[in-house]
N, C-alpha and C. Protein backbone atom coordinates (compact mmCIF):
# COMPACT_ATOMS: atom_id res chain seq x y z
N MET A 1 37.26 1.47 -10.22
CA MET A 1 35.85 1.34 -10.02
C MET A 1 35.30 0.23 -10.67
N LYS A 2 34.42 -0.58 -9.68
CA LYS A 2 33.76 -1.81 -10.13
C LYS A 2 32.99 -1.65 -11.24
N PRO A 3 32.86 -2.73 -12.26
CA PRO A 3 31.86 -2.46 -13.30
C PRO A 3 30.46 -2.79 -12.88
N THR A 4 29.43 -2.73 -13.70
CA THR A 4 28.00 -2.96 -13.20
C THR A 4 27.63 -4.22 -13.86
N LEU A 5 26.80 -5.17 -13.07
CA LEU A 5 26.37 -6.27 -13.67
C LEU A 5 24.80 -6.23 -13.21
N ILE A 6 24.10 -6.38 -14.36
CA ILE A 6 22.83 -6.46 -14.49
C ILE A 6 22.36 -8.07 -14.47
N ILE A 7 21.52 -8.52 -13.39
CA ILE A 7 20.92 -10.06 -13.30
C ILE A 7 19.58 -9.78 -13.66
N ALA A 8 19.31 -10.46 -14.86
CA ALA A 8 17.91 -10.56 -15.09
C ALA A 8 17.18 -11.79 -14.86
N THR A 9 16.14 -11.98 -14.22
CA THR A 9 15.59 -13.03 -13.62
C THR A 9 14.11 -12.86 -13.69
N GLY A 10 13.43 -14.18 -13.59
CA GLY A 10 11.99 -14.11 -13.52
C GLY A 10 11.40 -15.51 -13.95
N PRO A 11 10.23 -15.85 -13.90
CA PRO A 11 9.50 -17.14 -13.85
C PRO A 11 10.14 -17.61 -15.38
N GLN A 12 9.98 -19.03 -15.80
CA GLN A 12 10.19 -19.56 -16.91
C GLN A 12 9.49 -19.00 -17.84
N GLY A 13 9.84 -18.71 -19.16
CA GLY A 13 9.03 -18.14 -20.19
C GLY A 13 8.65 -16.55 -20.00
N SER A 14 9.59 -15.97 -19.35
CA SER A 14 9.41 -14.34 -19.00
C SER A 14 9.85 -13.66 -19.89
N GLY A 15 11.06 -14.26 -20.83
CA GLY A 15 11.67 -13.39 -21.87
C GLY A 15 13.11 -13.14 -21.68
N ASN A 16 13.79 -14.37 -20.77
CA ASN A 16 15.14 -14.13 -20.74
C ASN A 16 16.13 -14.24 -22.08
N HIS A 17 15.71 -14.85 -23.02
CA HIS A 17 16.31 -14.53 -24.57
C HIS A 17 16.05 -13.12 -25.08
N LEU A 18 14.93 -12.79 -24.98
CA LEU A 18 14.38 -11.50 -25.60
C LEU A 18 15.10 -10.25 -24.86
N PHE A 19 15.22 -10.24 -23.60
CA PHE A 19 15.71 -8.98 -22.91
C PHE A 19 17.38 -9.37 -23.06
N ALA A 20 17.92 -10.30 -22.92
CA ALA A 20 19.31 -10.61 -23.46
C ALA A 20 19.35 -9.94 -24.75
N LYS A 21 18.72 -10.29 -25.59
CA LYS A 21 18.99 -9.62 -26.87
C LYS A 21 18.97 -8.15 -26.76
N ALA A 22 17.68 -7.68 -26.38
CA ALA A 22 17.45 -6.06 -26.29
C ALA A 22 18.75 -5.59 -25.57
N PHE A 23 19.38 -6.06 -24.63
CA PHE A 23 20.40 -5.21 -23.67
C PHE A 23 21.54 -5.38 -24.53
N VAL A 24 22.07 -6.45 -25.17
CA VAL A 24 23.24 -6.68 -25.90
C VAL A 24 23.23 -5.50 -27.46
N SER A 25 21.95 -5.05 -27.62
CA SER A 25 21.77 -4.20 -28.79
C SER A 25 22.32 -2.88 -28.40
N THR A 26 22.60 -2.66 -27.19
CA THR A 26 23.08 -1.26 -26.79
C THR A 26 24.67 -1.22 -26.92
N GLN A 27 25.12 -2.28 -27.31
CA GLN A 27 26.57 -2.37 -27.67
C GLN A 27 27.74 -2.26 -26.79
N VAL A 28 27.35 -1.58 -25.66
CA VAL A 28 28.41 -1.13 -24.64
C VAL A 28 28.20 -2.32 -23.70
N VAL A 29 27.21 -3.02 -23.82
CA VAL A 29 26.86 -4.29 -22.69
C VAL A 29 27.74 -5.33 -23.14
N LYS A 30 28.32 -6.07 -22.10
CA LYS A 30 28.77 -7.32 -22.46
C LYS A 30 27.89 -8.48 -21.83
N GLY A 31 27.41 -9.22 -22.89
CA GLY A 31 26.32 -10.20 -22.39
C GLY A 31 26.18 -11.34 -23.57
N TRP A 32 25.25 -11.80 -23.54
CA TRP A 32 24.78 -12.87 -24.41
C TRP A 32 25.03 -12.55 -26.08
N ASP A 33 26.29 -12.17 -26.49
CA ASP A 33 26.29 -11.67 -27.78
C ASP A 33 25.95 -12.64 -29.07
N SER A 34 25.97 -13.89 -28.74
CA SER A 34 25.80 -14.97 -29.78
C SER A 34 24.50 -14.76 -30.36
N LEU A 35 23.49 -14.11 -29.34
CA LEU A 35 22.16 -13.97 -29.61
C LEU A 35 21.81 -13.01 -30.54
N LYS A 36 22.88 -12.09 -31.04
CA LYS A 36 22.70 -11.01 -31.80
C LYS A 36 22.52 -11.71 -33.13
N GLU A 37 23.02 -12.88 -33.37
CA GLU A 37 22.98 -13.64 -34.74
C GLU A 37 21.93 -14.68 -34.61
N LYS A 38 21.74 -15.31 -33.42
CA LYS A 38 20.84 -16.50 -33.57
C LYS A 38 19.64 -15.96 -32.88
N TYR A 39 18.45 -16.80 -33.26
CA TYR A 39 17.21 -16.51 -32.77
C TYR A 39 17.11 -17.03 -31.29
N TRP A 40 17.64 -18.26 -31.11
CA TRP A 40 17.65 -19.03 -29.78
C TRP A 40 18.82 -19.99 -29.72
N GLU A 41 19.18 -20.11 -28.39
CA GLU A 41 20.32 -21.24 -28.35
C GLU A 41 20.19 -21.53 -26.80
N GLY A 42 20.61 -22.87 -26.29
CA GLY A 42 20.43 -23.07 -24.95
C GLY A 42 21.20 -22.19 -24.08
N HIS A 43 20.64 -22.30 -22.62
CA HIS A 43 21.23 -21.36 -21.71
C HIS A 43 22.61 -21.69 -21.09
N ASP A 44 22.98 -22.93 -21.69
CA ASP A 44 24.33 -23.24 -21.34
C ASP A 44 25.48 -22.39 -22.17
N MET A 45 25.14 -21.74 -23.26
CA MET A 45 25.99 -20.98 -24.04
C MET A 45 25.95 -19.50 -23.47
N GLU A 46 25.00 -19.18 -22.54
CA GLU A 46 25.21 -17.83 -21.89
C GLU A 46 26.60 -17.76 -21.02
N PRO A 47 26.99 -16.63 -21.21
CA PRO A 47 28.44 -16.43 -20.72
C PRO A 47 28.74 -16.79 -19.36
N PHE A 48 27.75 -16.70 -18.46
CA PHE A 48 27.99 -16.85 -17.03
C PHE A 48 27.17 -18.18 -16.65
N ALA A 49 26.88 -18.89 -17.46
CA ALA A 49 26.12 -20.19 -17.30
C ALA A 49 26.74 -20.99 -16.25
N GLU A 50 28.42 -21.20 -16.50
CA GLU A 50 28.95 -21.96 -15.38
C GLU A 50 29.01 -21.10 -14.09
N CYS A 51 29.01 -20.13 -13.97
CA CYS A 51 29.06 -19.43 -12.74
C CYS A 51 28.03 -19.52 -12.04
N TRP A 52 26.68 -19.63 -12.49
CA TRP A 52 25.66 -19.91 -11.92
C TRP A 52 25.57 -21.27 -11.16
N LYS A 53 26.26 -22.25 -11.89
CA LYS A 53 26.42 -23.51 -11.42
C LYS A 53 27.33 -23.81 -10.09
N ASP A 54 28.57 -22.80 -10.41
CA ASP A 54 29.49 -22.38 -9.33
C ASP A 54 29.97 -21.20 -9.10
N PRO A 55 29.17 -20.22 -8.53
CA PRO A 55 29.56 -18.72 -8.25
C PRO A 55 30.89 -18.39 -7.95
N THR A 56 31.58 -19.48 -7.40
CA THR A 56 33.09 -19.09 -6.93
C THR A 56 33.91 -18.93 -8.50
N LEU A 57 33.24 -19.32 -9.52
CA LEU A 57 34.05 -19.25 -10.82
C LEU A 57 34.23 -17.52 -11.28
N LEU A 58 33.50 -16.93 -10.50
CA LEU A 58 33.19 -15.62 -10.88
C LEU A 58 34.55 -14.88 -10.78
N LYS A 59 35.34 -15.34 -9.94
CA LYS A 59 36.57 -14.87 -9.72
C LYS A 59 37.71 -14.96 -10.83
N ASN A 60 37.31 -16.02 -11.87
CA ASN A 60 38.11 -16.13 -12.93
C ASN A 60 37.62 -15.57 -14.20
N PHE A 61 36.34 -14.87 -14.23
CA PHE A 61 35.76 -14.12 -15.14
C PHE A 61 36.70 -12.83 -15.36
N ASP A 62 36.64 -12.41 -16.77
CA ASP A 62 37.40 -11.28 -16.96
C ASP A 62 36.48 -10.03 -17.02
N TRP A 63 36.70 -9.42 -15.93
CA TRP A 63 35.84 -7.95 -15.59
C TRP A 63 36.23 -6.91 -16.25
N LYS A 64 37.51 -6.98 -16.90
CA LYS A 64 38.07 -5.69 -17.62
C LYS A 64 37.49 -5.70 -19.11
N GLN A 65 36.63 -6.32 -19.46
CA GLN A 65 36.05 -6.46 -20.91
C GLN A 65 35.31 -5.19 -21.16
N SER A 66 34.50 -4.91 -20.01
CA SER A 66 33.41 -3.72 -20.39
C SER A 66 33.30 -3.15 -18.79
N ARG A 67 32.39 -2.01 -18.96
CA ARG A 67 31.98 -1.42 -17.66
C ARG A 67 30.63 -2.01 -17.39
N TYR A 68 29.93 -2.59 -18.28
CA TYR A 68 28.70 -3.23 -18.11
C TYR A 68 28.60 -4.65 -18.38
N PHE A 69 27.89 -5.47 -17.75
CA PHE A 69 27.79 -6.73 -17.91
C PHE A 69 26.29 -7.17 -17.85
N TYR A 70 25.80 -8.13 -18.50
CA TYR A 70 24.40 -8.59 -18.33
C TYR A 70 24.22 -10.32 -18.37
N THR A 71 23.72 -10.69 -17.45
CA THR A 71 23.44 -11.97 -17.17
C THR A 71 22.13 -12.34 -17.00
N SER A 72 21.39 -13.66 -17.24
CA SER A 72 20.12 -13.77 -17.01
C SER A 72 20.13 -15.34 -16.71
N ILE A 73 18.74 -15.52 -15.94
CA ILE A 73 18.49 -16.96 -15.50
C ILE A 73 17.12 -16.99 -15.08
N SER A 74 16.47 -18.02 -15.62
CA SER A 74 14.97 -18.31 -15.13
C SER A 74 14.74 -19.01 -13.84
N CYS A 75 13.64 -18.99 -13.28
CA CYS A 75 13.72 -19.80 -12.16
C CYS A 75 12.16 -20.42 -12.08
N PRO A 76 12.18 -21.62 -12.05
CA PRO A 76 13.29 -22.64 -12.10
C PRO A 76 14.19 -22.66 -13.57
N TYR A 77 15.19 -23.18 -13.44
CA TYR A 77 16.05 -23.49 -14.60
C TYR A 77 16.50 -25.01 -14.59
N PHE A 78 17.06 -25.44 -15.57
CA PHE A 78 17.61 -26.90 -16.13
C PHE A 78 19.04 -26.71 -15.93
N ASP A 79 19.60 -27.48 -15.15
CA ASP A 79 21.06 -27.79 -15.16
C ASP A 79 21.40 -29.28 -15.35
N ASP A 80 21.88 -29.57 -16.49
CA ASP A 80 21.91 -30.91 -17.03
C ASP A 80 20.71 -31.87 -16.82
N GLY A 81 19.51 -31.39 -17.22
CA GLY A 81 18.23 -31.90 -17.15
C GLY A 81 17.64 -32.08 -15.84
N VAL A 82 18.45 -31.47 -15.01
CA VAL A 82 17.71 -31.32 -13.28
C VAL A 82 17.02 -30.01 -13.19
N GLU A 83 15.53 -29.93 -12.93
CA GLU A 83 15.15 -28.73 -12.29
C GLU A 83 15.66 -28.00 -11.38
N SER A 84 16.24 -26.97 -11.18
CA SER A 84 16.95 -26.38 -10.11
C SER A 84 16.52 -24.64 -9.95
N ILE A 85 16.50 -24.50 -8.75
CA ILE A 85 16.12 -23.03 -8.19
C ILE A 85 17.53 -22.54 -8.26
N PRO A 86 17.85 -21.11 -9.01
CA PRO A 86 18.92 -20.31 -8.90
C PRO A 86 19.44 -20.20 -7.32
N ASN A 87 20.50 -20.46 -7.21
CA ASN A 87 21.09 -19.87 -5.69
C ASN A 87 21.42 -18.36 -5.73
N TYR A 88 20.37 -17.60 -5.82
CA TYR A 88 20.60 -16.19 -5.69
C TYR A 88 21.57 -15.71 -4.66
N GLN A 89 21.41 -16.20 -3.29
CA GLN A 89 22.14 -15.69 -2.33
C GLN A 89 23.67 -15.76 -2.52
N LEU A 90 24.00 -16.98 -3.05
CA LEU A 90 25.49 -17.56 -3.15
C LEU A 90 25.86 -16.63 -4.47
N PHE A 91 25.18 -16.39 -5.44
CA PHE A 91 25.67 -15.82 -6.62
C PHE A 91 26.01 -14.44 -6.27
N HIS A 92 25.01 -13.77 -5.72
CA HIS A 92 25.12 -12.40 -5.15
C HIS A 92 26.22 -12.02 -4.33
N LYS A 93 26.41 -13.25 -3.51
CA LYS A 93 27.62 -13.06 -2.53
C LYS A 93 29.14 -12.90 -3.04
N HIS A 94 29.26 -13.57 -4.35
CA HIS A 94 30.45 -13.80 -5.03
C HIS A 94 30.36 -12.59 -5.99
N ALA A 95 29.31 -12.30 -6.54
CA ALA A 95 29.27 -11.30 -7.62
C ALA A 95 29.47 -9.95 -7.05
N VAL A 96 29.22 -9.41 -6.13
CA VAL A 96 29.18 -8.10 -5.34
C VAL A 96 30.94 -7.85 -5.09
N LYS A 97 31.65 -9.00 -5.02
CA LYS A 97 33.21 -8.68 -4.85
C LYS A 97 33.84 -8.14 -6.00
N TYR A 98 33.08 -8.23 -7.07
CA TYR A 98 33.99 -7.89 -8.52
C TYR A 98 32.93 -6.85 -9.26
N ALA A 99 31.77 -6.62 -8.77
CA ALA A 99 30.71 -5.70 -9.51
C ALA A 99 29.63 -5.23 -8.71
N LYS A 100 29.22 -3.97 -9.26
CA LYS A 100 28.00 -3.43 -8.90
C LYS A 100 26.89 -4.11 -9.34
N VAL A 101 26.06 -4.81 -8.31
CA VAL A 101 24.97 -5.69 -8.80
C VAL A 101 23.36 -5.01 -8.76
N LYS A 102 22.85 -5.14 -9.93
CA LYS A 102 21.58 -4.66 -10.03
C LYS A 102 20.62 -5.79 -10.69
N TYR A 103 19.58 -5.94 -10.12
CA TYR A 103 18.58 -6.81 -10.63
C TYR A 103 17.37 -6.40 -11.43
N LEU A 104 17.26 -7.06 -12.68
CA LEU A 104 16.16 -6.75 -13.44
C LEU A 104 15.01 -7.99 -13.48
N ILE A 105 14.01 -7.65 -12.86
CA ILE A 105 13.14 -8.88 -12.70
C ILE A 105 12.04 -8.89 -13.78
N ILE A 106 12.28 -9.85 -14.65
CA ILE A 106 11.55 -9.62 -16.12
C ILE A 106 9.98 -10.30 -15.88
N GLY A 107 8.95 -10.00 -16.53
CA GLY A 107 7.63 -10.73 -16.20
C GLY A 107 6.96 -10.56 -17.69
N ARG A 108 5.72 -11.51 -17.64
CA ARG A 108 5.04 -11.53 -18.96
C ARG A 108 3.34 -11.80 -18.17
N ASP A 109 2.48 -11.70 -19.16
CA ASP A 109 1.04 -11.88 -18.77
C ASP A 109 1.12 -13.38 -18.11
N GLN A 110 0.48 -13.35 -16.90
CA GLN A 110 0.36 -14.69 -15.91
C GLN A 110 -0.41 -15.48 -16.75
N ASN A 111 -1.03 -15.50 -17.55
CA ASN A 111 -1.81 -16.41 -18.25
C ASN A 111 -1.04 -17.18 -19.26
N ILE A 112 -0.32 -16.19 -20.02
CA ILE A 112 0.34 -16.76 -20.94
C ILE A 112 1.56 -17.34 -20.40
N LEU A 113 2.14 -17.11 -19.26
CA LEU A 113 3.19 -17.87 -18.80
C LEU A 113 2.61 -19.04 -18.38
N LYS A 114 1.56 -19.27 -17.72
CA LYS A 114 0.77 -20.59 -17.35
C LYS A 114 0.88 -21.51 -18.41
N HIS A 115 0.20 -21.16 -19.90
CA HIS A 115 0.08 -21.58 -20.84
C HIS A 115 1.56 -22.21 -21.52
N GLN A 116 2.60 -21.40 -21.56
CA GLN A 116 3.88 -21.69 -21.95
C GLN A 116 4.51 -22.54 -21.30
N GLN A 117 4.36 -22.57 -19.90
CA GLN A 117 4.93 -23.35 -18.84
C GLN A 117 4.42 -24.98 -19.14
N GLU A 118 3.28 -24.90 -18.93
CA GLU A 118 2.40 -26.25 -19.20
C GLU A 118 3.04 -26.78 -20.49
N ARG A 119 3.13 -25.99 -21.49
CA ARG A 119 3.42 -26.65 -23.00
C ARG A 119 4.92 -27.13 -23.04
N VAL A 120 5.52 -26.36 -22.57
CA VAL A 120 6.93 -26.49 -22.52
C VAL A 120 7.63 -27.53 -21.31
N ARG A 121 7.20 -27.17 -20.11
CA ARG A 121 7.48 -27.92 -18.90
C ARG A 121 6.61 -29.01 -18.40
N ASP A 122 5.19 -28.85 -18.87
CA ASP A 122 4.30 -29.96 -18.47
C ASP A 122 3.90 -29.48 -17.10
N LYS A 123 4.00 -28.35 -16.60
CA LYS A 123 3.63 -27.98 -15.38
C LYS A 123 3.74 -26.19 -15.26
N HIS A 124 3.00 -25.84 -14.24
CA HIS A 124 2.87 -24.49 -14.14
C HIS A 124 4.07 -24.27 -12.97
N THR A 125 5.02 -23.23 -13.31
CA THR A 125 5.95 -22.97 -12.40
C THR A 125 6.22 -21.65 -11.88
N THR A 126 5.43 -20.89 -12.22
CA THR A 126 5.47 -19.54 -11.84
C THR A 126 5.53 -19.42 -10.48
N ASN A 127 4.80 -20.02 -9.58
CA ASN A 127 4.82 -19.92 -8.06
C ASN A 127 6.33 -20.23 -7.51
N MET A 128 7.06 -20.89 -8.26
CA MET A 128 8.47 -21.51 -7.75
C MET A 128 9.24 -20.16 -7.63
N PHE A 129 9.14 -19.20 -8.53
CA PHE A 129 9.64 -17.72 -8.58
C PHE A 129 9.32 -17.07 -7.46
N ILE A 130 7.71 -16.88 -7.43
CA ILE A 130 7.25 -16.07 -6.67
C ILE A 130 7.55 -16.49 -4.93
N ASP A 131 7.76 -17.71 -4.91
CA ASP A 131 8.27 -18.03 -3.37
C ASP A 131 9.84 -17.72 -3.12
N ALA A 132 10.48 -17.56 -4.33
CA ALA A 132 12.05 -17.06 -4.01
C ALA A 132 11.95 -15.74 -3.89
N MET A 133 11.19 -14.82 -4.05
CA MET A 133 11.18 -13.41 -4.34
C MET A 133 11.61 -12.68 -2.99
N ASP A 134 11.60 -13.19 -1.85
CA ASP A 134 12.00 -12.52 -0.74
C ASP A 134 13.46 -12.23 -0.83
N PHE A 135 14.12 -12.68 -1.17
CA PHE A 135 15.79 -12.48 -1.64
C PHE A 135 15.95 -11.03 -2.07
N PHE A 136 14.97 -10.64 -2.87
CA PHE A 136 15.22 -9.35 -3.71
C PHE A 136 14.70 -7.98 -2.99
N ASP A 137 13.91 -8.52 -1.48
CA ASP A 137 13.24 -7.31 -0.89
C ASP A 137 14.24 -6.26 -0.61
N ASP A 138 15.57 -6.46 -0.27
CA ASP A 138 16.55 -5.42 0.12
C ASP A 138 17.52 -5.02 -1.07
N LYS A 139 17.28 -5.34 -2.17
CA LYS A 139 18.38 -5.11 -3.29
C LYS A 139 17.80 -4.27 -4.39
N ASP A 140 18.74 -4.03 -5.32
CA ASP A 140 18.58 -2.87 -6.17
C ASP A 140 17.61 -3.46 -7.35
N VAL A 141 16.54 -3.34 -7.49
CA VAL A 141 15.79 -4.12 -8.28
C VAL A 141 14.88 -3.18 -9.36
N THR A 142 14.72 -3.32 -10.64
CA THR A 142 14.19 -2.75 -11.43
C THR A 142 12.95 -3.99 -12.16
N TYR A 143 11.76 -3.58 -12.25
CA TYR A 143 10.93 -4.57 -12.91
C TYR A 143 10.73 -4.27 -14.35
N ALA A 144 10.76 -5.19 -15.32
CA ALA A 144 10.63 -5.22 -16.66
C ALA A 144 9.47 -6.00 -17.35
N SER A 145 9.00 -5.46 -18.25
CA SER A 145 7.63 -6.33 -18.73
C SER A 145 7.92 -6.65 -20.20
N GLN A 146 7.70 -7.78 -20.60
CA GLN A 146 7.78 -8.20 -22.06
C GLN A 146 7.10 -7.69 -22.83
N GLU A 147 5.63 -7.27 -22.57
CA GLU A 147 4.73 -6.90 -23.25
C GLU A 147 5.06 -5.16 -23.74
N LEU A 148 5.70 -4.39 -22.59
CA LEU A 148 5.93 -3.09 -22.91
C LEU A 148 7.13 -3.22 -23.78
N LEU A 149 8.05 -3.81 -23.90
CA LEU A 149 9.14 -4.05 -24.82
C LEU A 149 8.84 -4.21 -26.10
N TYR A 150 7.86 -4.98 -26.31
CA TYR A 150 7.25 -5.26 -27.74
C TYR A 150 6.67 -4.20 -28.19
N LEU A 151 5.65 -3.36 -27.18
CA LEU A 151 4.90 -2.25 -27.93
C LEU A 151 5.79 -1.05 -27.96
N TYR A 152 6.68 -0.62 -27.05
CA TYR A 152 7.22 0.62 -27.10
C TYR A 152 8.88 0.48 -27.20
N GLY A 153 9.33 -0.53 -27.77
CA GLY A 153 10.52 -0.79 -28.36
C GLY A 153 11.79 0.06 -27.44
N ILE A 154 12.43 1.11 -28.29
CA ILE A 154 13.54 1.45 -27.91
C ILE A 154 13.06 2.57 -26.64
N ARG A 155 12.08 3.02 -26.79
CA ARG A 155 11.51 3.91 -25.65
C ARG A 155 11.39 3.35 -24.40
N TYR A 156 11.14 2.16 -24.31
CA TYR A 156 10.72 1.57 -23.13
C TYR A 156 12.39 0.96 -22.64
N LEU A 157 13.10 0.56 -23.56
CA LEU A 157 14.43 0.13 -23.14
C LEU A 157 15.15 1.37 -22.66
N LYS A 158 14.96 2.49 -23.02
CA LYS A 158 15.69 3.63 -22.42
C LYS A 158 15.20 3.91 -21.10
N THR A 159 13.75 3.62 -20.85
CA THR A 159 13.18 3.79 -19.55
C THR A 159 13.85 2.81 -18.61
N LEU A 160 14.10 1.67 -18.87
CA LEU A 160 14.66 0.66 -18.01
C LEU A 160 16.17 1.23 -17.57
N GLU A 161 16.87 1.82 -18.89
CA GLU A 161 18.15 2.26 -18.64
C GLU A 161 18.13 3.12 -17.35
N GLU A 162 17.03 4.18 -17.23
CA GLU A 162 16.91 5.19 -16.53
C GLU A 162 16.54 4.82 -15.17
N GLN A 163 15.85 3.78 -15.12
CA GLN A 163 15.47 3.22 -13.75
C GLN A 163 16.59 2.44 -13.26
N LEU A 164 17.46 1.73 -13.89
CA LEU A 164 18.74 1.02 -13.50
C LEU A 164 19.42 2.01 -13.26
N ASN A 165 19.35 3.37 -13.64
CA ASN A 165 20.55 4.41 -13.18
C ASN A 165 21.77 4.13 -14.15
N ILE A 166 21.60 3.65 -15.10
CA ILE A 166 22.81 3.26 -16.25
C ILE A 166 22.43 3.79 -17.52
N LEU A 167 22.67 4.90 -17.95
CA LEU A 167 22.50 5.33 -19.52
C LEU A 167 23.44 4.83 -20.36
N PHE A 168 23.06 4.06 -21.45
CA PHE A 168 24.04 3.46 -22.52
C PHE A 168 23.88 4.42 -23.75
N SER A 169 24.79 4.31 -24.58
CA SER A 169 24.86 5.15 -25.65
C SER A 169 25.09 3.81 -26.88
N ASN A 170 24.96 4.51 -28.26
CA ASN A 170 24.84 3.72 -29.37
C ASN A 170 24.07 2.63 -29.27
N HIS A 171 22.79 3.00 -29.20
CA HIS A 171 21.84 2.05 -29.61
C HIS A 171 21.65 1.53 -30.78
N ASP A 172 21.58 0.28 -30.98
CA ASP A 172 21.59 -0.40 -32.42
C ASP A 172 20.16 -0.48 -32.58
N VAL A 173 19.41 0.70 -32.99
CA VAL A 173 17.85 0.46 -33.00
C VAL A 173 17.39 -0.45 -33.93
N ASP A 174 18.21 -0.54 -35.30
CA ASP A 174 17.58 -1.62 -36.25
C ASP A 174 17.57 -2.86 -35.65
N LEU A 175 18.56 -3.26 -34.84
CA LEU A 175 18.89 -4.49 -34.41
C LEU A 175 17.78 -4.87 -33.26
N LEU A 176 17.46 -3.75 -32.66
CA LEU A 176 16.19 -3.94 -31.25
C LEU A 176 14.95 -4.22 -32.23
N ASN A 177 14.65 -3.21 -33.44
CA ASN A 177 13.58 -3.55 -34.19
C ASN A 177 13.17 -4.79 -34.56
N THR A 178 14.37 -5.40 -34.99
CA THR A 178 14.34 -6.83 -35.59
C THR A 178 13.90 -7.56 -34.67
N ILE A 179 14.57 -7.26 -33.59
CA ILE A 179 14.58 -8.42 -32.24
C ILE A 179 12.97 -8.51 -31.90
N ILE A 180 12.32 -7.32 -31.79
CA ILE A 180 11.00 -7.31 -31.22
C ILE A 180 9.90 -7.24 -32.58
N SER A 181 10.00 -7.61 -33.53
CA SER A 181 9.26 -7.59 -34.86
C SER A 181 8.57 -8.70 -34.73
N LYS A 182 8.72 -9.78 -34.18
CA LYS A 182 8.13 -10.97 -34.15
C LYS A 182 7.54 -11.18 -32.77
N ASP A 183 6.28 -10.86 -32.43
CA ASP A 183 5.82 -10.93 -30.99
C ASP A 183 5.48 -12.24 -30.44
N ALA A 184 6.32 -12.88 -29.68
CA ALA A 184 6.14 -14.25 -29.16
C ALA A 184 4.73 -14.55 -28.39
N ASN A 185 4.17 -13.58 -27.95
CA ASN A 185 2.61 -13.80 -27.45
C ASN A 185 1.89 -13.88 -28.33
N THR A 186 1.87 -13.42 -29.88
CA THR A 186 0.91 -13.61 -31.01
C THR A 186 0.34 -15.20 -30.91
N LYS A 187 0.98 -16.19 -30.73
CA LYS A 187 0.80 -17.59 -30.98
C LYS A 187 -0.23 -17.90 -29.61
N TYR A 188 -0.49 -17.25 -28.53
CA TYR A 188 -1.42 -17.47 -27.37
C TYR A 188 -2.77 -16.49 -27.42
N MET A 189 -2.79 -15.94 -28.65
CA MET A 189 -3.80 -14.94 -28.65
C MET A 189 -4.82 -15.40 -29.64
N HIS A 190 -6.02 -15.03 -29.16
CA HIS A 190 -7.25 -15.71 -29.73
C HIS A 190 -8.27 -14.81 -29.99
N PHE A 191 -9.02 -14.39 -31.17
CA PHE A 191 -9.89 -13.61 -31.20
C PHE A 191 -11.29 -13.76 -30.44
N VAL A 192 -11.69 -12.71 -29.89
CA VAL A 192 -13.10 -13.07 -29.10
C VAL A 192 -14.16 -12.56 -29.79
N ASP A 193 -15.26 -13.29 -30.20
CA ASP A 193 -16.32 -13.03 -30.90
C ASP A 193 -16.97 -11.78 -30.30
N HIS A 194 -17.42 -12.37 -29.10
CA HIS A 194 -18.31 -11.35 -28.48
C HIS A 194 -18.03 -11.67 -26.67
N SER A 195 -18.11 -10.16 -26.14
CA SER A 195 -18.05 -10.23 -24.69
C SER A 195 -19.22 -9.62 -24.20
N PRO A 196 -19.74 -10.12 -22.95
CA PRO A 196 -21.21 -9.55 -22.51
C PRO A 196 -21.36 -8.06 -22.47
N LEU A 197 -20.16 -7.52 -22.38
CA LEU A 197 -19.98 -5.91 -22.04
C LEU A 197 -19.85 -5.23 -23.42
N ASP A 198 -19.67 -5.86 -24.32
CA ASP A 198 -19.39 -5.21 -25.40
C ASP A 198 -20.50 -4.21 -25.88
N GLU A 199 -21.75 -4.40 -26.02
CA GLU A 199 -22.85 -3.77 -26.44
C GLU A 199 -23.14 -2.64 -25.26
N THR A 200 -22.87 -2.87 -24.21
CA THR A 200 -22.67 -1.63 -22.96
C THR A 200 -21.77 -0.78 -23.27
N ILE A 201 -20.57 -1.08 -23.66
CA ILE A 201 -19.37 -0.16 -23.62
C ILE A 201 -19.86 0.45 -25.00
N LYS A 202 -20.08 -0.09 -26.19
CA LYS A 202 -20.47 0.67 -27.30
C LYS A 202 -21.80 1.85 -27.07
N LEU A 203 -22.69 1.33 -26.35
CA LEU A 203 -23.62 2.41 -25.96
C LEU A 203 -22.99 3.54 -25.03
N ALA A 204 -22.24 3.32 -24.05
CA ALA A 204 -21.77 4.14 -23.18
C ALA A 204 -20.88 5.18 -23.77
N SER A 205 -20.19 4.80 -25.08
CA SER A 205 -19.37 5.58 -26.02
C SER A 205 -20.09 6.42 -27.00
N SER A 206 -21.38 5.95 -27.14
CA SER A 206 -22.16 6.72 -28.26
C SER A 206 -22.26 8.15 -27.77
N LYS A 207 -22.84 8.41 -26.78
CA LYS A 207 -22.88 9.99 -26.15
C LYS A 207 -22.94 9.87 -24.83
N LYS A 208 -22.87 11.15 -24.30
CA LYS A 208 -22.92 11.52 -22.64
C LYS A 208 -24.23 10.95 -22.12
N GLY A 209 -24.41 10.00 -21.04
CA GLY A 209 -25.53 9.76 -20.30
C GLY A 209 -26.31 8.69 -21.17
N ALA A 210 -25.71 7.98 -22.12
CA ALA A 210 -26.33 6.92 -22.62
C ALA A 210 -26.87 5.82 -21.78
N ILE A 211 -25.91 5.57 -20.88
CA ILE A 211 -26.58 4.48 -19.79
C ILE A 211 -26.46 5.29 -18.56
């Protein structure tokens, strides 16, 4: 029986590192294992990195290591400094020869994505992924939210597993809690002193029929 390959993708800054860490915390998934010990490292260290450049290399991958594999790539991504769109079609064509393929489309608040992309890449790139999404219309797709993972932790991760129709065991909950203990969204959040609706909301909440 073929193993299962989970392919996570989304706009730049959606949480490729975060979700890669979360899924390898389940222990039975073979993925970006070095992120268990490191906060961050370049995507060229991801185990399928060379296969994304040349999907024919998937034939040389050791598919006997596990029943479950995980790979991730952002759209766009950088290949030797060159901005590139993942060749989803070609990667899928070769991956299905060796594994049952499931897609995890990851996302994040669209305003934070814009700020993050402009800060790191000097331009807004989310639409580059949106324009590529037709490919996934007939694929086995589950959507995942960075904010929900931070908020609900292991409960949300188990829900994603159910939606992917693959139930893992031996979750390292302590590792997962450590991974999500520092919310990457915090640096983008600023307190709002006052909103025009604040007083109306307070009045409406005071008693029935207040407004």
